[in-house]
Amino acid sequence: MDDHATQEALFRYGVIAPLLSGDLSPEERGRIRAEILDRTHPAPGEGKARTVSERTLRRWLQAYRKDGFRGLGPGKRRDSGAPRRIDPTIVDKAAALREEVPERSVRQIID
């Protein structure tokens, strides 16, 4: 893991750590979960605090239980390695199609 991934994993671990104890009663677990969701958490390197949603908390706990600390690092993007911008020739063609028929919708141009 690089420094950013490690810092993010440490942040996520710090958020979920109170829930990792196996000897919590359901009431204690619910109270701790509510406290985590209700407060803001100082984020690494951002200089601001972040809130955590219920879904995110569940995903982080699941990732930790499945892959340990490494599971808490940021995941790879699904489009990793793919171009993230539109080829200029496609933009030119779309502009030409719009000039041909100005009433043409974006959906029609895409199709």
N, C-alpha and C. Protein backbone atom coordinates (compact mmCIF):
# COMPACT_ATOMS: atom_id res chain seq x y z
N MET A 1 0.84 -1.19 0.00
CA MET A 1 0.00 0.00 0.00
C MET A 1 0.88 1.24 0.00
N ASP A 2 0.47 2.25 -0.76
CA ASP A 2 1.21 3.50 -0.73
C ASP A 2 0.76 4.32 0.49
N ASP A 3 1.38 5.47 0.69
CA ASP A 3 1.08 6.28 1.88
C ASP A 3 -0.37 6.69 1.96
N HIS A 4 -0.94 7.12 0.82
CA HIS A 4 -2.35 7.54 0.83
C HIS A 4 -3.26 6.38 1.21
N ALA A 5 -3.02 5.22 0.62
CA ALA A 5 -3.86 4.04 0.90
C ALA A 5 -3.72 3.64 2.37
N THR A 6 -2.51 3.70 2.90
CA THR A 6 -2.29 3.36 4.30
C THR A 6 -3.00 4.33 5.22
N GLN A 7 -2.90 5.62 4.91
CA GLN A 7 -3.57 6.64 5.72
C GLN A 7 -5.09 6.44 5.69
N GLU A 8 -5.63 6.14 4.53
CA GLU A 8 -7.08 5.92 4.41
C GLU A 8 -7.49 4.67 5.17
N ALA A 9 -6.70 3.61 5.08
CA ALA A 9 -6.99 2.37 5.81
C ALA A 9 -6.94 2.62 7.32
N LEU A 10 -5.96 3.38 7.77
CA LEU A 10 -5.87 3.72 9.21
C LEU A 10 -7.09 4.53 9.66
N PHE A 11 -7.51 5.47 8.82
CA PHE A 11 -8.70 6.27 9.14
C PHE A 11 -9.92 5.35 9.27
N ARG A 12 -10.12 4.49 8.30
CA ARG A 12 -11.27 3.59 8.32
C ARG A 12 -11.21 2.64 9.51
N TYR A 13 -10.02 2.14 9.81
CA TYR A 13 -9.88 1.26 10.97
C TYR A 13 -10.24 2.01 12.25
N GLY A 14 -9.79 3.26 12.36
CA GLY A 14 -10.12 4.06 13.54
C GLY A 14 -11.61 4.25 13.72
N VAL A 15 -12.32 4.34 12.61
CA VAL A 15 -13.78 4.50 12.67
C VAL A 15 -14.45 3.21 13.13
N ILE A 16 -14.04 2.07 12.57
CA ILE A 16 -14.73 0.81 12.87
C ILE A 16 -14.22 0.09 14.11
N ALA A 17 -13.04 0.47 14.60
CA ALA A 17 -12.41 -0.26 15.72
C ALA A 17 -13.33 -0.50 16.91
N PRO A 18 -14.14 0.48 17.34
CA PRO A 18 -14.99 0.22 18.51
C PRO A 18 -15.99 -0.92 18.29
N LEU A 19 -16.29 -1.23 17.04
CA LEU A 19 -17.27 -2.29 16.75
C LEU A 19 -16.63 -3.68 16.59
N LEU A 20 -15.32 -3.75 16.65
CA LEU A 20 -14.64 -5.02 16.36
C LEU A 20 -14.55 -5.95 17.56
N SER A 21 -14.85 -5.48 18.74
CA SER A 21 -14.81 -6.32 19.92
C SER A 21 -15.89 -7.39 19.83
N GLY A 22 -15.50 -8.62 20.01
CA GLY A 22 -16.45 -9.72 19.90
C GLY A 22 -17.38 -9.88 21.09
N ASP A 23 -17.09 -9.20 22.20
CA ASP A 23 -17.91 -9.40 23.40
C ASP A 23 -18.90 -8.26 23.65
N LEU A 24 -19.31 -7.57 22.59
CA LEU A 24 -20.31 -6.51 22.74
C LEU A 24 -21.71 -7.11 22.70
N SER A 25 -22.57 -6.61 23.55
CA SER A 25 -23.97 -7.04 23.49
C SER A 25 -24.62 -6.32 22.30
N PRO A 26 -25.75 -6.82 21.81
CA PRO A 26 -26.43 -6.14 20.71
C PRO A 26 -26.76 -4.69 21.04
N GLU A 27 -27.11 -4.42 22.30
CA GLU A 27 -27.43 -3.04 22.70
C GLU A 27 -26.20 -2.16 22.63
N GLU A 28 -25.07 -2.68 23.13
CA GLU A 28 -23.82 -1.91 23.09
C GLU A 28 -23.40 -1.65 21.64
N ARG A 29 -23.49 -2.70 20.83
CA ARG A 29 -23.12 -2.56 19.42
C ARG A 29 -24.00 -1.51 18.74
N GLY A 30 -25.29 -1.52 19.00
CA GLY A 30 -26.19 -0.53 18.42
C GLY A 30 -25.88 0.88 18.87
N ARG A 31 -25.55 1.03 20.16
CA ARG A 31 -25.22 2.36 20.70
C ARG A 31 -23.93 2.88 20.06
N ILE A 32 -22.91 2.02 19.97
CA ILE A 32 -21.64 2.43 19.38
C ILE A 32 -21.83 2.78 17.90
N ARG A 33 -22.59 1.97 17.20
CA ARG A 33 -22.87 2.22 15.78
C ARG A 33 -23.54 3.59 15.61
N ALA A 34 -24.52 3.88 16.45
CA ALA A 34 -25.21 5.17 16.37
C ALA A 34 -24.25 6.33 16.64
N GLU A 35 -23.36 6.15 17.61
CA GLU A 35 -22.37 7.19 17.92
C GLU A 35 -21.45 7.44 16.73
N ILE A 36 -21.01 6.37 16.08
CA ILE A 36 -20.13 6.50 14.92
C ILE A 36 -20.84 7.25 13.80
N LEU A 37 -22.09 6.90 13.58
CA LEU A 37 -22.84 7.52 12.48
C LEU A 37 -23.21 8.97 12.78
N ASP A 38 -23.35 9.32 14.04
CA ASP A 38 -23.78 10.67 14.42
C ASP A 38 -22.66 11.70 14.46
N ARG A 39 -21.43 11.26 14.55
CA ARG A 39 -20.35 12.24 14.70
C ARG A 39 -19.54 12.37 13.42
N THR A 40 -18.72 13.41 13.39
CA THR A 40 -17.79 13.59 12.28
C THR A 40 -16.43 13.05 12.71
N HIS A 41 -15.68 12.59 11.75
CA HIS A 41 -14.38 11.96 12.01
C HIS A 41 -13.30 12.74 11.28
N PRO A 42 -12.23 13.14 11.97
CA PRO A 42 -11.17 13.88 11.30
C PRO A 42 -10.50 13.02 10.22
N ALA A 43 -10.54 13.51 9.00
CA ALA A 43 -10.00 12.75 7.87
C ALA A 43 -8.51 13.01 7.70
N PRO A 44 -7.77 12.01 7.28
CA PRO A 44 -6.32 12.19 7.11
C PRO A 44 -5.99 13.09 5.93
N GLY A 45 -5.12 14.06 6.16
CA GLY A 45 -4.62 14.90 5.08
C GLY A 45 -5.59 15.87 4.47
N GLU A 46 -6.84 15.84 4.84
CA GLU A 46 -7.83 16.73 4.23
C GLU A 46 -8.06 17.98 5.05
N GLY A 47 -7.72 17.93 6.33
CA GLY A 47 -7.93 19.08 7.19
C GLY A 47 -9.39 19.35 7.50
N LYS A 48 -10.25 18.38 7.23
CA LYS A 48 -11.66 18.54 7.55
C LYS A 48 -12.21 17.21 8.07
N ALA A 49 -13.39 17.26 8.59
CA ALA A 49 -14.01 16.06 9.15
C ALA A 49 -14.97 15.45 8.14
N ARG A 50 -15.13 14.13 8.24
CA ARG A 50 -16.05 13.41 7.36
C ARG A 50 -17.09 12.68 8.19
N THR A 51 -18.26 12.53 7.63
CA THR A 51 -19.28 11.69 8.23
C THR A 51 -19.25 10.35 7.51
N VAL A 52 -19.83 9.34 8.15
CA VAL A 52 -19.86 8.00 7.59
C VAL A 52 -21.31 7.55 7.55
N SER A 53 -21.72 7.02 6.41
CA SER A 53 -23.10 6.52 6.28
C SER A 53 -23.19 5.09 6.81
N GLU A 54 -24.39 4.66 7.05
CA GLU A 54 -24.64 3.29 7.52
C GLU A 54 -24.08 2.29 6.51
N ARG A 55 -24.34 2.52 5.25
CA ARG A 55 -23.88 1.60 4.21
C ARG A 55 -22.35 1.53 4.18
N THR A 56 -21.70 2.69 4.26
CA THR A 56 -20.25 2.72 4.25
C THR A 56 -19.68 1.98 5.46
N LEU A 57 -20.27 2.21 6.62
CA LEU A 57 -19.82 1.52 7.83
C LEU A 57 -19.93 0.01 7.65
N ARG A 58 -21.04 -0.45 7.10
CA ARG A 58 -21.21 -1.89 6.85
C ARG A 58 -20.18 -2.42 5.87
N ARG A 59 -19.90 -1.66 4.79
CA ARG A 59 -18.91 -2.09 3.81
C ARG A 59 -17.52 -2.18 4.42
N TRP A 60 -17.15 -1.19 5.25
CA TRP A 60 -15.83 -1.20 5.88
C TRP A 60 -15.70 -2.39 6.83
N LEU A 61 -16.73 -2.64 7.61
CA LEU A 61 -16.69 -3.79 8.52
C LEU A 61 -16.57 -5.10 7.75
N GLN A 62 -17.32 -5.24 6.69
CA GLN A 62 -17.27 -6.44 5.86
C GLN A 62 -15.88 -6.60 5.23
N ALA A 63 -15.33 -5.51 4.72
CA ALA A 63 -14.00 -5.56 4.10
C ALA A 63 -12.94 -5.96 5.12
N TYR A 64 -13.04 -5.43 6.33
CA TYR A 64 -12.07 -5.76 7.37
C TYR A 64 -12.18 -7.23 7.76
N ARG A 65 -13.40 -7.72 7.91
CA ARG A 65 -13.59 -9.12 8.30
C ARG A 65 -13.12 -10.08 7.21
N LYS A 66 -13.24 -9.65 5.97
CA LYS A 66 -12.85 -10.50 4.85
C LYS A 66 -11.34 -10.47 4.61
N ASP A 67 -10.74 -9.26 4.55
CA ASP A 67 -9.34 -9.12 4.13
C ASP A 67 -8.44 -8.46 5.16
N GLY A 68 -8.95 -8.22 6.38
CA GLY A 68 -8.13 -7.58 7.39
C GLY A 68 -7.83 -6.13 7.04
N PHE A 69 -6.72 -5.62 7.56
CA PHE A 69 -6.36 -4.22 7.38
C PHE A 69 -6.25 -3.85 5.90
N ARG A 70 -5.70 -4.74 5.08
CA ARG A 70 -5.55 -4.45 3.64
C ARG A 70 -6.90 -4.22 2.97
N GLY A 71 -7.94 -4.81 3.48
CA GLY A 71 -9.26 -4.62 2.91
C GLY A 71 -9.82 -3.23 3.12
N LEU A 72 -9.22 -2.48 4.03
CA LEU A 72 -9.72 -1.13 4.32
C LEU A 72 -9.12 -0.06 3.41
N GLY A 73 -8.13 -0.42 2.63
CA GLY A 73 -7.55 0.55 1.70
C GLY A 73 -8.52 0.87 0.58
N PRO A 74 -8.31 2.01 -0.07
CA PRO A 74 -9.20 2.35 -1.18
C PRO A 74 -9.10 1.30 -2.29
N GLY A 75 -10.22 0.95 -2.86
CA GLY A 75 -10.23 -0.03 -3.94
C GLY A 75 -9.83 0.58 -5.26
N LYS A 76 -9.54 -0.27 -6.22
CA LYS A 76 -9.21 0.20 -7.56
C LYS A 76 -10.50 0.60 -8.27
N ARG A 77 -10.38 1.61 -9.10
CA ARG A 77 -11.54 2.03 -9.90
C ARG A 77 -11.88 0.95 -10.91
N ARG A 78 -13.16 0.79 -11.19
CA ARG A 78 -13.58 -0.20 -12.19
C ARG A 78 -13.09 0.16 -13.58
N ASP A 79 -12.93 1.46 -13.81
CA ASP A 79 -12.48 1.90 -15.12
C ASP A 79 -10.97 2.14 -15.16
N SER A 80 -10.26 1.54 -14.22
CA SER A 80 -8.81 1.71 -14.16
C SER A 80 -8.17 1.24 -15.46
N GLY A 81 -7.32 2.08 -16.02
CA GLY A 81 -6.65 1.74 -17.26
C GLY A 81 -7.41 2.15 -18.50
N ALA A 82 -8.66 2.54 -18.35
CA ALA A 82 -9.46 2.97 -19.49
C ALA A 82 -9.39 4.50 -19.60
N PRO A 83 -9.46 5.01 -20.79
CA PRO A 83 -9.43 6.48 -20.94
C PRO A 83 -10.61 7.12 -20.20
N ARG A 84 -10.35 8.22 -19.54
CA ARG A 84 -11.39 8.88 -18.78
C ARG A 84 -11.90 10.13 -19.48
N ARG A 85 -11.45 10.35 -20.67
CA ARG A 85 -11.95 11.50 -21.40
C ARG A 85 -12.40 11.03 -22.77
N ILE A 86 -13.22 11.83 -23.37
CA ILE A 86 -13.77 11.48 -24.68
C ILE A 86 -12.76 11.86 -25.76
N ASP A 87 -12.58 10.97 -26.70
CA ASP A 87 -11.68 11.21 -27.82
C ASP A 87 -12.15 12.47 -28.57
N PRO A 88 -11.26 13.38 -28.89
CA PRO A 88 -11.64 14.63 -29.57
C PRO A 88 -12.37 14.41 -30.89
N THR A 89 -12.07 13.31 -31.60
CA THR A 89 -12.78 13.06 -32.86
C THR A 89 -14.25 12.75 -32.61
N ILE A 90 -14.55 12.11 -31.49
CA ILE A 90 -15.94 11.82 -31.15
C ILE A 90 -16.67 13.11 -30.80
N VAL A 91 -16.00 14.00 -30.07
CA VAL A 91 -16.60 15.29 -29.72
C VAL A 91 -16.88 16.09 -30.99
N ASP A 92 -15.94 16.09 -31.93
CA ASP A 92 -16.13 16.82 -33.20
C ASP A 92 -17.32 16.25 -33.97
N LYS A 93 -17.43 14.92 -34.00
CA LYS A 93 -18.54 14.28 -34.71
C LYS A 93 -19.87 14.63 -34.05
N ALA A 94 -19.92 14.63 -32.71
CA ALA A 94 -21.14 14.99 -31.99
C ALA A 94 -21.53 16.43 -32.28
N ALA A 95 -20.56 17.32 -32.29
CA ALA A 95 -20.85 18.73 -32.59
C ALA A 95 -21.38 18.88 -34.01
N ALA A 96 -20.81 18.14 -34.95
CA ALA A 96 -21.29 18.20 -36.34
C ALA A 96 -22.72 17.69 -36.44
N LEU A 97 -23.03 16.62 -35.72
CA LEU A 97 -24.41 16.09 -35.74
C LEU A 97 -25.40 17.10 -35.18
N ARG A 98 -25.00 17.82 -34.14
CA ARG A 98 -25.87 18.84 -33.54
C ARG A 98 -26.06 20.01 -34.50
N GLU A 99 -24.99 20.40 -35.19
CA GLU A 99 -25.10 21.51 -36.15
C GLU A 99 -25.99 21.14 -37.32
N GLU A 100 -25.94 19.87 -37.73
CA GLU A 100 -26.79 19.40 -38.82
C GLU A 100 -28.26 19.59 -38.49
N VAL A 101 -28.63 19.12 -37.31
CA VAL A 101 -30.03 19.21 -36.85
C VAL A 101 -30.00 19.69 -35.41
N PRO A 102 -30.15 21.02 -35.18
CA PRO A 102 -30.05 21.56 -33.82
C PRO A 102 -31.07 20.98 -32.83
N GLU A 103 -32.19 20.46 -33.33
CA GLU A 103 -33.20 19.89 -32.45
C GLU A 103 -32.85 18.48 -31.98
N ARG A 104 -31.80 17.91 -32.52
CA ARG A 104 -31.40 16.55 -32.17
C ARG A 104 -31.04 16.50 -30.67
N SER A 105 -31.57 15.52 -29.98
CA SER A 105 -31.31 15.39 -28.54
C SER A 105 -29.94 14.75 -28.30
N VAL A 106 -29.46 14.88 -27.08
CA VAL A 106 -28.20 14.26 -26.70
C VAL A 106 -28.30 12.75 -26.88
N ARG A 107 -29.41 12.18 -26.47
CA ARG A 107 -29.62 10.72 -26.60
C ARG A 107 -29.49 10.31 -28.07
N GLN A 108 -30.10 11.09 -28.99
CA GLN A 108 -30.02 10.78 -30.41
C GLN A 108 -28.58 10.88 -30.92
N ILE A 109 -27.86 11.87 -30.45
CA ILE A 109 -26.46 12.03 -30.84
C ILE A 109 -25.63 10.86 -30.34
N ILE A 110 -25.86 10.45 -29.11
CA ILE A 110 -25.12 9.31 -28.55
C ILE A 110 -25.41 8.04 -29.34
N ASP A 111 -26.69 7.84 -29.64
CA ASP A 111 -27.08 6.64 -30.42
C ASP A 111 -26.44 6.68 -31.79
